[in-house]
Protein backbone atom coordinates (compact mmCIF):
# COMPACT_ATOMS: atom_id res chain seq x y z
CA MET A 1 23.60 30.38 33.84
CA ALA A 2 25.21 31.91 30.80
CA GLU A 3 27.47 28.87 30.44
CA ARG A 4 24.25 26.58 30.63
CA GLN A 5 22.53 28.56 28.04
CA LEU A 6 25.61 28.27 26.02
CA ASP A 7 25.48 24.67 26.37
CA VAL A 8 21.82 24.28 25.36
CA LEU A 9 22.85 26.45 22.30
CA GLU A 10 25.70 24.23 21.29
CA GLU A 11 23.49 21.10 21.61
CA ARG A 12 20.89 22.68 19.40
CA ILE A 13 23.41 23.74 17.05
CA GLU A 14 24.60 20.41 16.80
CA GLN A 15 21.19 18.92 16.38
CA LEU A 16 20.68 21.11 13.48
CA GLU A 17 23.89 20.27 11.79
CA ASN A 18 22.95 16.61 12.31
CA LEU A 19 19.68 17.23 10.57
CA VAL A 20 21.46 19.21 7.69
CA PHE A 21 24.52 17.13 7.25
CA GLY A 22 23.37 14.06 8.37
CA SER A 23 26.35 11.42 8.63
CA ALA A 24 28.19 13.43 5.88
CA ASN A 25 31.15 15.45 7.11
CA LYS A 26 30.03 18.95 7.38
CA ASP A 27 33.68 20.59 7.20
CA SER A 28 33.81 19.00 3.59
CA MET A 29 30.87 21.18 2.68
CA TYR A 30 32.72 24.52 2.97
CA PRO A 31 35.85 25.75 1.07
CA LYS A 32 38.91 24.99 2.59
CA ASP A 33 40.96 27.69 1.16
CA GLU A 34 38.82 30.29 2.36
CA ILE A 35 38.81 31.61 6.30
CA PRO A 36 35.58 32.35 7.27
CA GLN A 37 35.07 35.87 8.25
CA GLN A 38 33.16 34.97 11.15
CA GLN A 39 32.28 31.52 12.72
CA CYS A 40 28.75 30.70 13.41
CA ILE A 41 29.15 30.08 17.11
CA ASP A 42 30.90 33.23 17.63
CA SER A 43 27.76 34.77 15.70
CA LEU A 44 25.32 33.08 17.96
CA ALA A 45 27.39 33.85 21.05
CA ALA A 46 27.37 37.44 20.37
CA VAL A 47 23.76 37.11 19.74
CA GLN A 48 23.37 35.33 23.29
CA SER A 49 25.37 37.90 25.11
CA LYS A 50 23.38 40.89 23.42
CA ILE A 51 20.21 39.03 24.67
CA HIS A 52 21.58 38.55 28.03
CA SER A 53 22.77 41.96 28.61
CA SER A 54 19.28 43.37 27.20
CA VAL A 55 17.65 41.12 29.83
CA THR A 56 19.59 41.59 32.86
CA GLY A 57 17.89 43.99 35.48
CA LYS A 58 14.63 43.45 33.75
CA LYS A 59 12.27 41.61 35.98
CA ARG A 60 9.43 41.19 33.77
CA VAL A 61 11.51 39.28 31.24
CA ALA A 62 13.00 37.08 33.89
CA LYS A 63 9.60 36.15 34.98
CA ALA A 64 8.43 35.61 31.35
CA TYR A 65 11.31 33.04 31.20
CA ASP A 66 10.49 31.57 34.32
CA LYS A 67 6.93 31.15 33.02
CA ILE A 68 7.97 29.14 29.89
CA PRO A 69 7.26 25.62 31.40
CA TYR A 70 3.77 26.65 32.33
CA LEU A 71 3.12 28.01 28.99
CA GLU A 72 4.23 24.55 27.67
CA LYS A 73 2.21 22.68 29.91
CA TYR A 74 -1.09 25.01 29.06
CA LEU A 75 -0.12 24.30 25.36
CA ASP A 76 -0.14 20.54 25.77
CA SER A 77 -3.44 18.91 24.21
CA SER A 78 -3.74 16.56 27.09
CA TYR A 79 -3.58 18.92 29.59
CA THR A 80 -6.39 20.93 27.64
CA ASP A 81 -8.51 17.78 27.38
CA GLN A 82 -8.54 17.48 31.15
CA LEU A 83 -9.53 21.03 31.79
CA THR A 84 -12.35 20.87 29.34
CA LEU A 85 -13.91 17.22 30.09
CA PRO A 86 -14.59 16.20 33.42
CA GLU A 87 -14.37 12.37 34.15
CA ALA A 88 -18.17 12.18 34.08
CA SER A 89 -18.42 13.57 30.28
CA LYS A 90 -15.71 10.93 29.37
CA ILE A 91 -17.42 8.22 30.70
CA GLU A 92 -20.80 9.33 28.94
CA ILE A 93 -19.01 9.49 25.84
CA ILE A 94 -17.25 6.14 26.27
CA LEU A 95 -20.97 4.47 27.17
CA ALA A 96 -22.23 6.40 24.25
CA GLU A 97 -19.88 4.62 21.61
CA GLU A 98 -20.01 1.22 23.60
CA ASN A 99 -21.58 -0.49 20.69
CA PHE A 100 -18.97 1.13 18.26
CA ILE A 101 -15.99 0.10 20.70
CA ARG A 102 -17.54 -3.43 21.10
CA ASP A 103 -17.42 -3.75 17.11
CA GLN A 104 -13.94 -2.81 16.55
CA ALA A 105 -12.75 -4.89 19.52
CA LYS A 106 -14.58 -7.92 17.66
CA LYS A 107 -13.18 -6.97 14.29
CA LEU A 108 -9.72 -6.85 15.86
CA GLU A 109 -10.36 -10.18 17.41
CA GLU A 110 -11.14 -11.66 13.95
CA ILE A 111 -8.14 -9.94 12.67
CA GLU A 112 -6.08 -11.54 15.11
CA ASN A 113 -7.53 -15.13 14.76
CA LEU A 114 -7.20 -14.69 10.98
CA SER A 115 -3.56 -13.47 10.93
CA LYS A 116 -2.03 -17.10 11.51
CA PHE A 117 -3.64 -17.36 7.88
CA ILE A 118 -2.50 -14.22 6.33
CA SER A 119 1.00 -15.02 7.55
CA SER A 120 0.77 -18.87 6.37
CA GLU A 121 3.66 -20.34 4.01
CA HIS A 122 1.16 -20.86 1.55
CA LEU A 123 0.27 -16.61 1.38
CA LYS A 124 3.91 -16.12 1.75
CA SER A 125 4.69 -18.29 -1.37
CA VAL A 126 2.22 -16.50 -3.67
CA PRO A 127 4.60 -14.20 -5.30
CA ALA A 128 7.00 -16.98 -6.21
CA GLN A 129 4.11 -18.84 -7.59
CA THR A 130 2.83 -16.14 -9.70
CA GLU A 131 5.42 -16.60 -12.59
CA LYS A 132 4.26 -20.41 -12.74
CA LEU A 133 0.55 -19.37 -12.57
CA GLN A 134 1.35 -16.70 -15.71
CA GLN A 135 2.81 -19.53 -17.54
CA LEU A 136 -0.01 -21.88 -16.89
CA PHE A 137 -2.32 -19.18 -17.97
CA GLN A 138 -0.33 -18.76 -21.33
CA ILE A 139 -0.63 -22.78 -21.75
CA GLN A 140 -4.78 -22.62 -21.25
CA ILE A 141 -4.67 -19.84 -23.44
CA LYS A 142 -2.93 -21.77 -26.38
CA GLN A 143 -4.92 -24.89 -25.30
CA GLN A 144 -8.31 -22.66 -26.07
CA ASP A 145 -7.05 -21.65 -29.33
CA GLN A 146 -6.12 -25.13 -30.34
CA THR A 147 -9.50 -26.55 -29.07
CA ALA A 148 -11.29 -23.78 -30.90
CA LEU A 149 -9.52 -24.76 -34.11
CA ILE A 150 -9.90 -28.38 -33.51
CA SER A 151 -13.91 -27.99 -32.84
CA GLU A 152 -14.08 -25.76 -36.28
CA GLU A 153 -12.08 -28.70 -38.15
CA THR A 154 -14.53 -31.39 -36.50
CA GLU A 155 -17.65 -29.23 -37.43
CA LYS A 156 -16.52 -29.09 -40.84
CA LEU A 157 -15.78 -32.85 -41.09
CA LEU A 158 -19.09 -33.76 -39.73
CA SER A 159 -20.52 -31.47 -42.29
CA ASP A 160 -18.64 -33.18 -45.17
CA TYR A 161 -19.54 -36.45 -43.37
CA ASN A 162 -23.27 -35.60 -43.37
CA LYS A 163 -23.13 -34.19 -46.91
CA ILE A 164 -21.50 -37.33 -48.07
CA ILE A 165 -23.79 -39.70 -46.21
CA THR A 166 -26.76 -37.67 -47.79
CA LEU A 167 -25.43 -38.25 -51.31
CA ILE A 168 -24.91 -41.75 -50.52
CA TRP A 169 -28.40 -42.17 -49.21
CA LYS A 170 -29.80 -40.18 -52.53
CA GLN A 171 -27.59 -42.75 -54.54
CA PHE A 172 -28.99 -45.68 -52.84
CA LEU A 173 -32.76 -44.31 -53.28
CA GLN A 174 -32.09 -43.83 -57.13
CA TRP A 175 -30.63 -47.44 -57.24
CA ASN A 176 -33.71 -48.63 -55.31
CA GLU A 177 -36.12 -47.21 -57.61
CA THR A 178 -33.81 -48.13 -60.64
CA LEU A 179 -33.80 -51.72 -59.21
CA CYS A 180 -37.41 -51.74 -58.36
CA LYS A 181 -38.15 -50.63 -61.95
CA VAL A 182 -36.40 -53.17 -63.41
CA GLU A 183 -37.72 -55.79 -61.02
CA MET A 184 -41.27 -54.76 -61.78
CA SER A 185 -40.72 -55.01 -65.58
CA GLN A 186 -39.14 -58.77 -65.32
CA SER A 187 -42.04 -59.69 -63.34
CA LYS A 188 -44.39 -58.29 -65.86
CA LYS A 189 -42.78 -60.30 -68.63
């Protein structure tokens, strides 16, 4: 029994070393020049022998060790659920949540049906197209600025055109009046 416990202890130490050191060489972490005063395994073996010597001959401790599997069983949450909820209660809970479960099932079916669209080549290529899209946005902004400038220039040109046409129209009116006056004066003669 002591050998089995020692093997279990060595396995646990090896697991702990793997957790602490990972894939690194654990011996590289210790100073090689110094000789350790006491090896870890020796310390643990000494502790194990002290525990074993203190436990031998004591029936209650042996019984407690024998009851450890039962204790683990009782601490398991699935076992406590079996004890606390009878099957009828579980069925009632499921029936009470029937609508919610059906809604969730429908949503999962929708997700499954739409997953082919999510995994389509078009959506997979979106990250590659974002740079091109950014370039297009920049080109569009430049073109909008240019359009605004052209609109302002066009508006100014139209305003100038209207002013010139108005001036020409007024000039023609004056000429028309002058011509009419000359013609009237000619006709009176």
